[in-house]
Amino acid sequence: MAVLSAVETVNPAIPGTIDAAALAKMADRGQITGGIVDGPLAYDNAISLRSAQNKGITSEVAGHPDVLLVPSLEAGNMIYKQLVYMADAECAGIVLGMRVPIVLTSRSDSVPARIASCALAVLAASA
């Protein structure tokens, strides 16, 4: 899981970098299990191993994350739409952190994206 932020270094002026670093440290200590968590990572470092290497970042996640964890709903919505409209990706959207997962779809989502969102919510609820 790549925990995204505006930059890949911890910066007290950017709260998302502190949150990302805390999540990565929690994973290192075994408080978050089930996968590898790294952050903060800027989007380019998260999806491109070459970009990470060019910046001197060593990460098991860089270049091949299974999950992109975004710092806000606003950031997630922008990435989601970029993937759908610029890369023809099928995406799934859920919100976690409440008692049950919330399916989050766009009015313009395809049928496969809506089904994937429901399936992902079911998996998250049963985890």
N, C-alpha and C. Protein backbone atom coordinates (compact mmCIF):
# COMPACT_ATOMS: atom_id res chain seq x y z
N MET A 1 0.85 -1.17 0.00
CA MET A 1 0.00 0.00 0.00
C MET A 1 0.89 1.23 0.00
N ALA A 2 0.67 2.10 -0.95
CA ALA A 2 1.38 3.38 -1.00
C ALA A 2 0.49 4.44 -0.36
N VAL A 3 1.01 5.07 0.69
CA VAL A 3 0.29 6.15 1.35
C VAL A 3 0.75 7.44 0.69
N LEU A 4 -0.14 8.03 -0.09
CA LEU A 4 0.22 9.19 -0.91
C LEU A 4 0.18 10.50 -0.14
N SER A 5 1.07 11.39 -0.57
CA SER A 5 1.08 12.75 -0.08
C SER A 5 1.61 13.63 -1.20
N ALA A 6 1.68 14.91 -0.96
CA ALA A 6 2.18 15.84 -1.99
C ALA A 6 3.67 15.64 -2.24
N VAL A 7 4.39 15.22 -1.23
CA VAL A 7 5.83 15.00 -1.32
C VAL A 7 6.18 13.71 -0.60
N GLU A 8 7.39 13.22 -0.85
CA GLU A 8 7.79 11.94 -0.29
C GLU A 8 8.62 12.05 0.99
N THR A 9 8.75 13.24 1.51
CA THR A 9 9.48 13.43 2.76
C THR A 9 8.52 14.00 3.81
N VAL A 10 8.80 13.68 5.07
CA VAL A 10 7.95 14.20 6.15
C VAL A 10 8.20 15.70 6.28
N ASN A 11 7.10 16.44 6.25
CA ASN A 11 7.16 17.90 6.34
C ASN A 11 6.04 18.34 7.29
N PRO A 12 6.38 18.89 8.45
CA PRO A 12 5.35 19.30 9.41
C PRO A 12 4.32 20.27 8.84
N ALA A 13 4.66 20.99 7.78
CA ALA A 13 3.71 21.92 7.17
C ALA A 13 2.67 21.20 6.31
N ILE A 14 2.91 19.92 6.03
CA ILE A 14 1.98 19.13 5.21
C ILE A 14 1.50 17.95 6.07
N PRO A 15 0.36 18.09 6.75
CA PRO A 15 -0.10 17.06 7.69
C PRO A 15 -0.19 15.66 7.09
N GLY A 16 -0.50 15.55 5.80
CA GLY A 16 -0.60 14.24 5.18
C GLY A 16 0.70 13.46 5.21
N THR A 17 1.83 14.17 5.22
CA THR A 17 3.12 13.47 5.28
C THR A 17 3.32 12.84 6.66
N ILE A 18 2.86 13.52 7.68
CA ILE A 18 2.98 12.99 9.05
C ILE A 18 2.06 11.79 9.21
N ASP A 19 0.84 11.89 8.71
CA ASP A 19 -0.09 10.75 8.77
C ASP A 19 0.48 9.54 8.03
N ALA A 20 1.04 9.77 6.84
CA ALA A 20 1.59 8.68 6.05
C ALA A 20 2.76 8.01 6.77
N ALA A 21 3.64 8.82 7.34
CA ALA A 21 4.78 8.27 8.07
C ALA A 21 4.32 7.47 9.29
N ALA A 22 3.30 7.96 9.97
CA ALA A 22 2.76 7.24 11.13
C ALA A 22 2.19 5.89 10.72
N LEU A 23 1.45 5.86 9.62
CA LEU A 23 0.88 4.59 9.15
C LEU A 23 1.99 3.61 8.76
N ALA A 24 3.03 4.10 8.09
CA ALA A 24 4.14 3.22 7.71
C ALA A 24 4.83 2.67 8.95
N LYS A 25 5.03 3.51 9.96
CA LYS A 25 5.68 3.06 11.20
C LYS A 25 4.80 2.05 11.93
N MET A 26 3.50 2.29 11.94
CA MET A 26 2.58 1.33 12.58
C MET A 26 2.67 -0.02 11.89
N ALA A 27 2.79 -0.02 10.58
CA ALA A 27 2.93 -1.29 9.84
C ALA A 27 4.25 -1.96 10.19
N ASP A 28 5.32 -1.18 10.30
CA ASP A 28 6.62 -1.73 10.69
C ASP A 28 6.55 -2.42 12.04
N ARG A 29 5.75 -1.88 12.95
CA ARG A 29 5.63 -2.42 14.31
C ARG A 29 4.59 -3.53 14.42
N GLY A 30 3.93 -3.86 13.32
CA GLY A 30 2.93 -4.92 13.34
C GLY A 30 1.55 -4.48 13.77
N GLN A 31 1.34 -3.17 13.90
CA GLN A 31 0.03 -2.66 14.29
C GLN A 31 -0.93 -2.63 13.11
N ILE A 32 -0.40 -2.65 11.91
CA ILE A 32 -1.18 -2.79 10.68
C ILE A 32 -0.63 -4.02 9.98
N THR A 33 -1.48 -4.98 9.71
CA THR A 33 -1.01 -6.24 9.13
C THR A 33 -1.72 -6.52 7.81
N GLY A 34 -1.22 -7.51 7.12
CA GLY A 34 -1.86 -7.95 5.88
C GLY A 34 -1.23 -7.41 4.62
N GLY A 35 -0.17 -6.64 4.75
CA GLY A 35 0.48 -6.10 3.56
C GLY A 35 1.62 -5.19 3.94
N ILE A 36 2.29 -4.70 2.93
CA ILE A 36 3.40 -3.78 3.11
C ILE A 36 2.86 -2.36 2.93
N VAL A 37 3.17 -1.50 3.89
CA VAL A 37 2.70 -0.11 3.86
C VAL A 37 3.92 0.80 3.82
N ASP A 38 3.93 1.75 2.89
CA ASP A 38 5.02 2.71 2.83
C ASP A 38 4.47 4.09 2.53
N GLY A 39 5.06 5.08 3.15
CA GLY A 39 4.68 6.45 2.92
C GLY A 39 5.43 7.37 3.86
N PRO A 40 5.44 8.63 3.59
CA PRO A 40 4.74 9.25 2.48
C PRO A 40 5.45 8.99 1.15
N LEU A 41 4.64 8.81 0.13
CA LEU A 41 5.14 8.70 -1.24
C LEU A 41 4.35 9.67 -2.11
N ALA A 42 5.06 10.43 -2.92
CA ALA A 42 4.38 11.25 -3.92
C ALA A 42 3.87 10.30 -5.00
N TYR A 43 2.89 10.71 -5.75
CA TYR A 43 2.26 9.84 -6.75
C TYR A 43 3.29 9.25 -7.72
N ASP A 44 4.24 10.07 -8.18
CA ASP A 44 5.22 9.56 -9.14
C ASP A 44 6.07 8.46 -8.54
N ASN A 45 6.48 8.59 -7.28
CA ASN A 45 7.29 7.54 -6.63
C ASN A 45 6.47 6.29 -6.37
N ALA A 46 5.20 6.46 -6.12
CA ALA A 46 4.35 5.31 -5.83
C ALA A 46 4.15 4.44 -7.06
N ILE A 47 3.96 5.06 -8.21
CA ILE A 47 3.63 4.26 -9.40
C ILE A 47 4.82 3.99 -10.31
N SER A 48 5.94 4.66 -10.10
CA SER A 48 7.11 4.48 -10.96
C SER A 48 8.35 4.17 -10.14
N LEU A 49 8.85 2.94 -10.28
CA LEU A 49 10.08 2.56 -9.59
C LEU A 49 11.23 3.44 -10.04
N ARG A 50 11.27 3.76 -11.32
CA ARG A 50 12.35 4.61 -11.85
C ARG A 50 12.32 5.98 -11.18
N SER A 51 11.14 6.55 -11.02
CA SER A 51 11.03 7.84 -10.36
C SER A 51 11.54 7.76 -8.92
N ALA A 52 11.15 6.70 -8.23
CA ALA A 52 11.62 6.52 -6.85
C ALA A 52 13.14 6.38 -6.81
N GLN A 53 13.69 5.58 -7.71
CA GLN A 53 15.14 5.39 -7.74
C GLN A 53 15.86 6.69 -8.07
N ASN A 54 15.31 7.47 -9.00
CA ASN A 54 15.92 8.76 -9.35
C ASN A 54 15.97 9.71 -8.16
N LYS A 55 15.01 9.57 -7.25
CA LYS A 55 14.98 10.42 -6.05
C LYS A 55 15.67 9.77 -4.86
N GLY A 56 16.29 8.60 -5.07
CA GLY A 56 17.00 7.92 -3.99
C GLY A 56 16.08 7.25 -2.98
N ILE A 57 14.87 6.93 -3.38
CA ILE A 57 13.90 6.29 -2.49
C ILE A 57 13.99 4.78 -2.64
N THR A 58 14.22 4.10 -1.53
CA THR A 58 14.21 2.64 -1.50
C THR A 58 12.90 2.21 -0.86
N SER A 59 12.08 1.49 -1.61
CA SER A 59 10.76 1.11 -1.11
C SER A 59 10.31 -0.18 -1.77
N GLU A 60 9.76 -1.09 -0.97
CA GLU A 60 9.18 -2.32 -1.51
C GLU A 60 7.89 -2.03 -2.27
N VAL A 61 7.29 -0.90 -2.01
CA VAL A 61 6.00 -0.55 -2.60
C VAL A 61 6.17 0.24 -3.90
N ALA A 62 7.19 1.07 -3.97
CA ALA A 62 7.37 1.97 -5.12
C ALA A 62 7.37 1.20 -6.44
N GLY A 63 6.56 1.68 -7.36
CA GLY A 63 6.50 1.09 -8.69
C GLY A 63 5.46 0.01 -8.87
N HIS A 64 4.95 -0.53 -7.77
CA HIS A 64 3.95 -1.60 -7.91
C HIS A 64 3.03 -1.71 -6.70
N PRO A 65 2.37 -0.61 -6.33
CA PRO A 65 1.44 -0.71 -5.20
C PRO A 65 0.14 -1.40 -5.62
N ASP A 66 -0.42 -2.17 -4.71
CA ASP A 66 -1.74 -2.75 -4.94
C ASP A 66 -2.84 -1.77 -4.53
N VAL A 67 -2.50 -0.88 -3.60
CA VAL A 67 -3.47 0.09 -3.07
C VAL A 67 -2.80 1.46 -3.04
N LEU A 68 -3.55 2.47 -3.44
CA LEU A 68 -3.14 3.86 -3.26
C LEU A 68 -4.04 4.46 -2.19
N LEU A 69 -3.47 4.77 -1.03
CA LEU A 69 -4.23 5.40 0.05
C LEU A 69 -4.00 6.90 -0.06
N VAL A 70 -5.09 7.64 -0.23
CA VAL A 70 -4.99 9.08 -0.47
C VAL A 70 -5.25 9.86 0.81
N PRO A 71 -4.74 11.09 0.88
CA PRO A 71 -4.89 11.87 2.11
C PRO A 71 -6.27 12.50 2.31
N SER A 72 -7.09 12.51 1.26
CA SER A 72 -8.41 13.13 1.40
C SER A 72 -9.34 12.62 0.32
N LEU A 73 -10.62 12.79 0.55
CA LEU A 73 -11.62 12.43 -0.45
C LEU A 73 -11.40 13.22 -1.73
N GLU A 74 -11.04 14.48 -1.58
CA GLU A 74 -10.80 15.34 -2.74
C GLU A 74 -9.65 14.81 -3.60
N ALA A 75 -8.54 14.45 -2.96
CA ALA A 75 -7.39 13.90 -3.70
C ALA A 75 -7.76 12.58 -4.35
N GLY A 76 -8.47 11.74 -3.63
CA GLY A 76 -8.88 10.45 -4.18
C GLY A 76 -9.79 10.59 -5.38
N ASN A 77 -10.70 11.53 -5.33
CA ASN A 77 -11.62 11.75 -6.45
C ASN A 77 -10.86 12.19 -7.70
N MET A 78 -9.86 13.04 -7.52
CA MET A 78 -9.07 13.49 -8.67
C MET A 78 -8.29 12.33 -9.29
N ILE A 79 -7.63 11.53 -8.46
CA ILE A 79 -6.86 10.40 -8.98
C ILE A 79 -7.78 9.39 -9.66
N TYR A 80 -8.89 9.12 -9.03
CA TYR A 80 -9.87 8.16 -9.56
C TYR A 80 -10.29 8.56 -10.98
N LYS A 81 -10.66 9.81 -11.14
CA LYS A 81 -11.13 10.27 -12.46
C LYS A 81 -10.01 10.32 -13.49
N GLN A 82 -8.80 10.64 -13.05
CA GLN A 82 -7.66 10.61 -13.97
C GLN A 82 -7.42 9.19 -14.47
N LEU A 83 -7.47 8.21 -13.58
CA LEU A 83 -7.26 6.82 -13.98
C LEU A 83 -8.35 6.36 -14.94
N VAL A 84 -9.59 6.71 -14.66
CA VAL A 84 -10.70 6.27 -15.51
C VAL A 84 -10.63 6.93 -16.88
N TYR A 85 -10.43 8.23 -16.93
CA TYR A 85 -10.54 8.94 -18.20
C TYR A 85 -9.24 9.04 -18.99
N MET A 86 -8.10 8.94 -18.33
CA MET A 86 -6.84 9.04 -19.06
C MET A 86 -6.19 7.68 -19.30
N ALA A 87 -6.53 6.69 -18.48
CA ALA A 87 -5.89 5.38 -18.62
C ALA A 87 -6.90 4.27 -18.88
N ASP A 88 -8.17 4.63 -19.09
CA ASP A 88 -9.23 3.64 -19.32
C ASP A 88 -9.26 2.56 -18.24
N ALA A 89 -8.99 2.94 -17.01
CA ALA A 89 -8.99 1.99 -15.90
C ALA A 89 -10.40 1.76 -15.39
N GLU A 90 -10.64 0.56 -14.90
CA GLU A 90 -11.86 0.27 -14.15
C GLU A 90 -11.46 0.37 -12.68
N CYS A 91 -12.16 1.16 -11.94
CA CYS A 91 -11.82 1.41 -10.54
C CYS A 91 -12.95 0.98 -9.62
N ALA A 92 -12.63 0.87 -8.35
CA ALA A 92 -13.62 0.59 -7.33
C ALA A 92 -13.42 1.61 -6.22
N GLY A 93 -14.51 2.08 -5.64
CA GLY A 93 -14.39 3.08 -4.60
C GLY A 93 -15.17 2.73 -3.36
N ILE A 94 -14.46 2.75 -2.22
CA ILE A 94 -15.13 2.58 -0.92
C ILE A 94 -14.49 3.55 0.07
N VAL A 95 -15.22 3.85 1.12
CA VAL A 95 -14.72 4.66 2.22
C VAL A 95 -14.66 3.76 3.44
N LEU A 96 -13.50 3.74 4.09
CA LEU A 96 -13.32 2.92 5.29
C LEU A 96 -13.18 3.81 6.51
N GLY A 97 -13.34 3.22 7.68
CA GLY A 97 -13.15 3.95 8.92
C GLY A 97 -14.41 4.06 9.75
N MET A 98 -15.54 3.75 9.16
CA MET A 98 -16.79 3.74 9.91
C MET A 98 -17.08 2.30 10.34
N ARG A 99 -18.25 2.08 10.91
CA ARG A 99 -18.63 0.74 11.37
C ARG A 99 -18.70 -0.23 10.20
N VAL A 100 -19.14 0.24 9.06
CA VAL A 100 -19.21 -0.59 7.85
C VAL A 100 -18.62 0.20 6.68
N PRO A 101 -18.09 -0.49 5.67
CA PRO A 101 -17.58 0.23 4.50
C PRO A 101 -18.72 0.91 3.74
N ILE A 102 -18.42 2.03 3.14
CA ILE A 102 -19.40 2.77 2.35
C ILE A 102 -19.00 2.68 0.88
N VAL A 103 -19.92 2.22 0.05
CA VAL A 103 -19.67 2.16 -1.39
C VAL A 103 -19.73 3.59 -1.93
N LEU A 104 -18.70 3.98 -2.66
CA LEU A 104 -18.62 5.34 -3.17
C LEU A 104 -18.46 5.27 -4.69
N THR A 105 -19.51 5.57 -5.39
CA THR A 105 -19.46 5.54 -6.85
C THR A 105 -19.80 6.92 -7.41
N SER A 106 -19.45 7.11 -8.65
CA SER A 106 -19.78 8.33 -9.36
C SER A 106 -20.98 8.06 -10.26
N ARG A 107 -21.76 9.07 -10.51
CA ARG A 107 -22.90 8.89 -11.42
C ARG A 107 -22.45 8.42 -12.79
N SER A 108 -21.23 8.73 -13.16
CA SER A 108 -20.73 8.36 -14.49
C SER A 108 -19.98 7.03 -14.51
N ASP A 109 -19.92 6.33 -13.37
CA ASP A 109 -19.21 5.05 -13.31
C ASP A 109 -19.85 4.01 -14.22
N SER A 110 -19.00 3.13 -14.75
CA SER A 110 -19.47 2.02 -15.57
C SER A 110 -20.10 0.96 -14.66
N VAL A 111 -20.84 0.05 -15.26
CA VAL A 111 -21.42 -1.06 -14.50
C VAL A 111 -20.32 -1.90 -13.85
N PRO A 112 -19.24 -2.26 -14.57
CA PRO A 112 -18.17 -3.02 -13.90
C PRO A 112 -17.57 -2.29 -12.70
N ALA A 113 -17.44 -0.97 -12.78
CA ALA A 113 -16.89 -0.21 -11.66
C ALA A 113 -17.85 -0.24 -10.47
N ARG A 114 -19.13 -0.17 -10.71
CA ARG A 114 -20.12 -0.24 -9.63
C ARG A 114 -20.10 -1.61 -8.96
N ILE A 115 -20.02 -2.66 -9.78
CA ILE A 115 -19.97 -4.02 -9.23
C ILE A 115 -18.68 -4.22 -8.44
N ALA A 116 -17.56 -3.72 -8.97
CA ALA A 116 -16.28 -3.84 -8.27
C ALA A 116 -16.32 -3.11 -6.93
N SER A 117 -16.97 -1.95 -6.88
CA SER A 117 -17.08 -1.21 -5.62
C SER A 117 -17.87 -2.00 -4.59
N CYS A 118 -18.97 -2.61 -5.02
CA CYS A 118 -19.77 -3.43 -4.10
C CYS A 118 -18.98 -4.64 -3.62
N ALA A 119 -18.28 -5.29 -4.53
CA ALA A 119 -17.48 -6.47 -4.17
C ALA A 119 -16.38 -6.09 -3.18
N LEU A 120 -15.72 -4.96 -3.42
CA LEU A 120 -14.66 -4.52 -2.52
C LEU A 120 -15.22 -4.21 -1.13
N ALA A 121 -16.39 -3.61 -1.07
CA ALA A 121 -17.02 -3.31 0.22
C ALA A 121 -17.36 -4.60 0.97
N VAL A 122 -17.83 -5.61 0.26
CA VAL A 122 -18.14 -6.90 0.89
C VAL A 122 -16.86 -7.52 1.46
N LEU A 123 -15.78 -7.48 0.68
CA LEU A 123 -14.50 -8.02 1.16
C LEU A 123 -14.02 -7.26 2.40
N ALA A 124 -14.12 -5.94 2.36
CA ALA A 124 -13.67 -5.14 3.50
C ALA A 124 -14.51 -5.41 4.73
N ALA A 125 -15.81 -5.59 4.55
CA ALA A 125 -16.70 -5.84 5.69
C ALA A 125 -16.43 -7.19 6.33
N SER A 126 -15.98 -8.14 5.54
CA SER A 126 -15.75 -9.49 6.08
C SER A 126 -14.32 -9.69 6.56
N ALA A 127 -13.48 -8.68 6.43
CA ALA A 127 -12.07 -8.81 6.83
C ALA A 127 -11.91 -8.68 8.33
